[in-house]
Each structure stands twice: as structure tokens, then as C-alpha cells.
Amino acid sequence: MLEKGDLDMALIATAPPKGGVALSAIPLFSDPFVLAAPTRTNLKQPVHLSDLPKDQLLLLDEGHCFRDQMIKACALDKEQTSNNFSATSLSTIMAFVANAQGLTLLPAISIEKEASDPRIKLLKLAPPVASRTLSLVFRKNTPFKTLFENIAAEIIQSAKTDKTANLLFTPGPEPHQRPA
């Protein structure tokens, strides 16, 4: 949609597509992952991704960029991904986690919305903490380049000073049930 001109800019959590329309991408911040588990989990933090029970990982359906990011972070092979449960939304997966049906990684930016259920425990990951970079992307030939650069600068500054967003600039949030 951005390439066709239907959108002027977009916030993305993947690398911009190669080829086609020339796009500019401004990295905004790193979005570290945490492990979402049922509160009665026996896992101790910090959790090493290599120690996760691969058969208990809940993934998004194919086509979701976070699915691909989780597969890469957890080093899942094709067989492991085909044997795992998948869902169309992160909210659905978190409902399964709350009901002790599995584990999932959760981007820090989504903690406030997705991890509010008291039956969910968030666990810090061991370094190096898996993460993704969120970027503001727009067409290089846009007449709004300066405006989009200013918007990106505001987002970066806001994320650095906002109490809730501050966990995006740490190696991983401290374990908690809900953000303060």
C-alpha cells in the first residue's frame, strides 16, 4: 500500500522490501521480546531461548512478521513450526498462554495490551535479548520527507522519555504482571 501511494508512511517491524519503489526507513527504537508463560511456570529467569520447550511454543499464522521473528529468535526448524499451534492474532495466543496451553514470545511494545491477564507471567530473556527494530518508512520521493523525519524524531524522543516506553530501551523488561 505504501509502494502504491495508498499510504504516505508506515510503522513497520521488519526490513523494508527490496526492489520496487525506493523507500526511506528511519529506525525508531528496538522492541525487545519477553517470554509470556502461565503464572505457574517452572521456568526461571533470565530464560535462555535455547532452553524453551519448542513443542509448547505458540506461533502466529504464516504471513505474520512476528511469526518469522519468533521462529528466528527461537531457532525453530520447519518441522517444529509445522507441529506448533498457530493463531491469527496475538490476543488469541495470549488467551491460550493464560489458560496454560503454551508459551510465546511477546514484543515489549505489546505488553500493556496483551499481558494484562493476571494468569500470565512475563519472564526476562537472557542476553543477547531477541528483539526487532521498529522503523518509520516512506517513499523517498515524497514531498513530505521533512515532515516524516520530524515525526520520526518526535517518536524517538517520546519513546526515550515516556515511562511506559522506557522499557523499550532496556535489554528487557523486569518481570511483572502488568506495566506500572
Protein backbone atom coordinates (compact mmCIF):
# COMPACT_ATOMS: atom_id res chain seq x y z
CA MET A 1 0.00 0.00 0.00
CA LEU A 2 2.91 2.33 0.77
CA GLU A 3 4.54 1.45 -2.54
CA LYS A 4 1.31 2.17 -4.47
CA GLY A 5 0.82 5.52 -2.77
CA ASP A 6 -2.26 4.43 -0.80
CA LEU A 7 -0.33 5.26 2.39
CA ASP A 8 2.12 8.11 2.87
CA MET A 9 4.10 6.44 5.67
CA ALA A 10 4.03 3.30 7.76
CA LEU A 11 5.39 2.00 11.05
CA ILE A 12 6.95 -1.41 10.39
CA ALA A 13 8.71 -4.07 12.44
CA THR A 14 10.57 -5.69 9.55
CA ALA A 15 13.10 -4.55 6.99
CA PRO A 16 11.53 -2.61 4.13
CA PRO A 17 11.01 -4.69 0.99
CA LYS A 18 13.89 -4.71 -1.50
CA GLY A 19 13.30 -3.63 -5.08
CA GLY A 20 10.30 -1.77 -6.38
CA VAL A 21 9.62 1.74 -5.14
CA ALA A 22 12.56 3.38 -3.36
CA LEU A 23 11.72 3.69 0.32
CA SER A 24 13.37 5.55 3.18
CA ALA A 25 13.39 3.91 6.59
CA ILE A 26 14.17 5.67 9.85
CA PRO A 27 14.84 3.25 12.74
CA LEU A 28 12.85 4.42 15.76
CA PHE A 29 13.64 2.02 18.59
CA SER A 30 14.45 -1.54 19.48
CA ASP A 31 11.50 -3.62 20.68
CA PRO A 32 12.85 -6.43 22.90
CA PHE A 33 10.95 -9.67 23.40
CA VAL A 34 9.90 -11.22 26.70
CA LEU A 35 8.58 -14.70 27.35
CA ALA A 36 4.89 -14.94 28.20
CA ALA A 37 4.09 -18.01 30.29
CA PRO A 38 1.32 -19.20 32.59
CA THR A 39 1.87 -17.91 36.14
CA ARG A 40 2.59 -21.41 37.43
CA THR A 41 5.51 -21.97 35.05
CA ASN A 42 8.65 -23.66 36.36
CA LEU A 43 10.91 -21.61 34.07
CA LYS A 44 13.42 -19.38 35.85
CA GLN A 45 14.66 -16.09 34.53
CA PRO A 46 16.53 -15.00 32.70
CA VAL A 47 15.27 -17.57 30.22
CA HIS A 48 17.63 -18.83 27.53
CA LEU A 49 15.74 -19.23 24.27
CA SER A 50 17.62 -22.47 23.62
CA ASP A 51 16.10 -23.93 26.82
CA LEU A 52 12.48 -23.35 25.81
CA PRO A 53 10.34 -26.43 25.22
CA LYS A 54 9.88 -25.99 21.47
CA ASP A 55 6.72 -28.11 21.42
CA GLN A 56 4.99 -25.65 23.77
CA LEU A 57 5.62 -22.52 21.70
CA LEU A 58 2.54 -20.83 20.27
CA LEU A 59 3.02 -19.03 16.95
CA LEU A 60 1.05 -16.64 14.79
CA ASP A 61 -0.18 -17.96 11.44
CA GLU A 62 2.06 -17.83 8.39
CA GLY A 63 2.30 -14.38 6.88
CA HIS A 64 2.72 -12.52 10.19
CA CYS A 65 6.13 -10.86 10.51
CA PHE A 66 6.23 -11.60 14.25
CA ARG A 67 5.87 -15.33 13.49
CA ASP A 68 9.01 -15.13 11.37
CA GLN A 69 10.83 -13.12 14.04
CA MET A 70 9.89 -15.66 16.73
CA ILE A 71 10.96 -18.61 14.55
CA LYS A 72 14.33 -16.95 14.00
CA ALA A 73 14.80 -15.98 17.67
CA CYS A 74 13.93 -19.49 18.90
CA ALA A 75 15.86 -21.21 16.07
CA LEU A 76 12.86 -23.33 15.14
CA ASP A 77 13.19 -25.62 12.15
CA LYS A 78 10.48 -26.33 9.58
CA GLU A 79 9.29 -29.47 11.38
CA GLN A 80 8.97 -27.64 14.70
CA THR A 81 6.95 -24.84 13.14
CA SER A 82 4.57 -27.23 11.40
CA ASN A 83 3.90 -29.11 14.65
CA ASN A 84 3.13 -25.98 16.65
CA PHE A 85 -0.28 -24.44 17.24
CA SER A 86 -0.79 -21.19 15.38
CA ALA A 87 -3.39 -18.43 15.65
CA THR A 88 -4.46 -15.40 13.66
CA SER A 89 -3.83 -12.86 16.43
CA LEU A 90 -1.52 -12.24 19.36
CA SER A 91 -4.59 -11.76 21.57
CA THR A 92 -5.72 -15.32 20.79
CA ILE A 93 -2.27 -16.70 21.58
CA MET A 94 -2.18 -14.80 24.89
CA ALA A 95 -5.56 -16.33 25.84
CA PHE A 96 -4.00 -19.76 25.31
CA VAL A 97 -0.99 -18.78 27.44
CA ALA A 98 -3.31 -17.53 30.20
CA ASN A 99 -5.05 -20.92 30.13
CA ALA A 100 -1.73 -22.77 30.47
CA GLN A 101 -1.81 -24.11 26.91
CA GLY A 102 1.69 -22.97 25.96
CA LEU A 103 4.32 -20.23 25.85
CA THR A 104 5.06 -17.41 23.46
CA LEU A 105 7.40 -14.52 22.95
CA LEU A 106 5.83 -11.10 23.27
CA PRO A 107 7.20 -7.81 21.90
CA ALA A 108 7.65 -5.28 24.70
CA ILE A 109 5.57 -2.72 22.82
CA SER A 110 2.52 -5.01 23.16
CA ILE A 111 2.84 -5.84 26.89
CA GLU A 112 0.30 -3.31 28.13
CA LYS A 113 -2.45 -4.59 25.81
CA GLU A 114 -1.64 -8.28 25.58
CA ALA A 115 -0.32 -9.22 29.04
CA SER A 116 -2.91 -7.71 31.37
CA ASP A 117 -4.37 -11.08 32.38
CA PRO A 118 -3.14 -11.97 35.91
CA ARG A 119 -2.73 -15.61 34.76
CA ILE A 120 0.18 -14.52 32.54
CA LYS A 121 3.72 -14.21 33.85
CA LEU A 122 6.35 -12.30 31.88
CA LEU A 123 9.90 -13.57 32.08
CA LYS A 124 13.05 -11.73 31.09
CA LEU A 125 15.18 -13.33 28.39
CA ALA A 126 18.88 -13.99 28.83
CA PRO A 127 21.27 -11.86 26.79
CA PRO A 128 21.56 -11.40 23.95
CA VAL A 129 17.88 -10.49 24.16
CA ALA A 130 15.92 -11.17 21.00
CA SER A 131 14.32 -8.03 19.61
CA ARG A 132 13.13 -6.28 16.49
CA THR A 133 13.56 -2.73 15.27
CA LEU A 134 10.54 -0.56 14.57
CA SER A 135 11.01 1.92 11.74
CA LEU A 136 9.08 4.71 10.08
CA VAL A 137 9.04 4.09 6.33
CA PHE A 138 8.02 6.37 3.46
CA ARG A 139 8.63 6.79 -0.25
CA LYS A 140 11.96 8.53 -0.97
CA ASN A 141 10.36 10.91 -3.47
CA THR A 142 7.64 12.15 -1.10
CA PRO A 143 7.16 15.90 -0.76
CA PHE A 144 6.57 15.22 2.96
CA LYS A 145 10.09 13.94 3.73
CA THR A 146 10.87 16.71 6.23
CA LEU A 147 7.53 16.22 7.98
CA PHE A 148 8.10 12.45 8.26
CA GLU A 149 11.63 12.99 9.57
CA ASN A 150 10.19 15.35 12.22
CA ILE A 151 7.52 12.77 13.15
CA ALA A 152 10.25 10.12 13.50
CA ALA A 153 12.30 12.46 15.71
CA GLU A 154 9.23 13.05 17.93
CA ILE A 155 8.56 9.31 18.24
CA ILE A 156 12.20 8.65 19.16
CA GLN A 157 12.18 11.44 21.76
CA SER A 158 8.82 10.36 23.17
CA ALA A 159 9.94 6.75 23.46
CA LYS A 160 13.06 7.85 25.35
CA THR A 161 11.13 9.95 27.88
CA ASP A 162 7.81 8.10 28.23
CA LYS A 163 7.74 5.93 31.37
CA THR A 164 5.87 3.07 29.67
CA ALA A 165 8.00 3.18 26.54
CA ASN A 166 11.23 3.27 28.56
CA LEU A 167 11.27 -0.49 28.73
CA LEU A 168 11.87 -0.44 25.01
CA PHE A 169 15.35 0.96 25.67
CA THR A 170 16.42 -1.66 28.19
CA PRO A 171 17.77 -5.14 27.46
CA GLY A 172 14.39 -6.50 28.51
CA PRO A 173 11.65 -5.51 30.93
CA GLU A 174 11.77 -6.64 34.51
CA PRO A 175 9.29 -9.42 35.15
CA HIS A 176 5.86 -8.22 36.12
CA GLN A 177 2.24 -8.92 35.54
CA ARG A 178 1.32 -5.51 34.12
CA PRO A 179 3.21 -2.31 33.36
CA ALA A 180 3.20 0.23 36.19
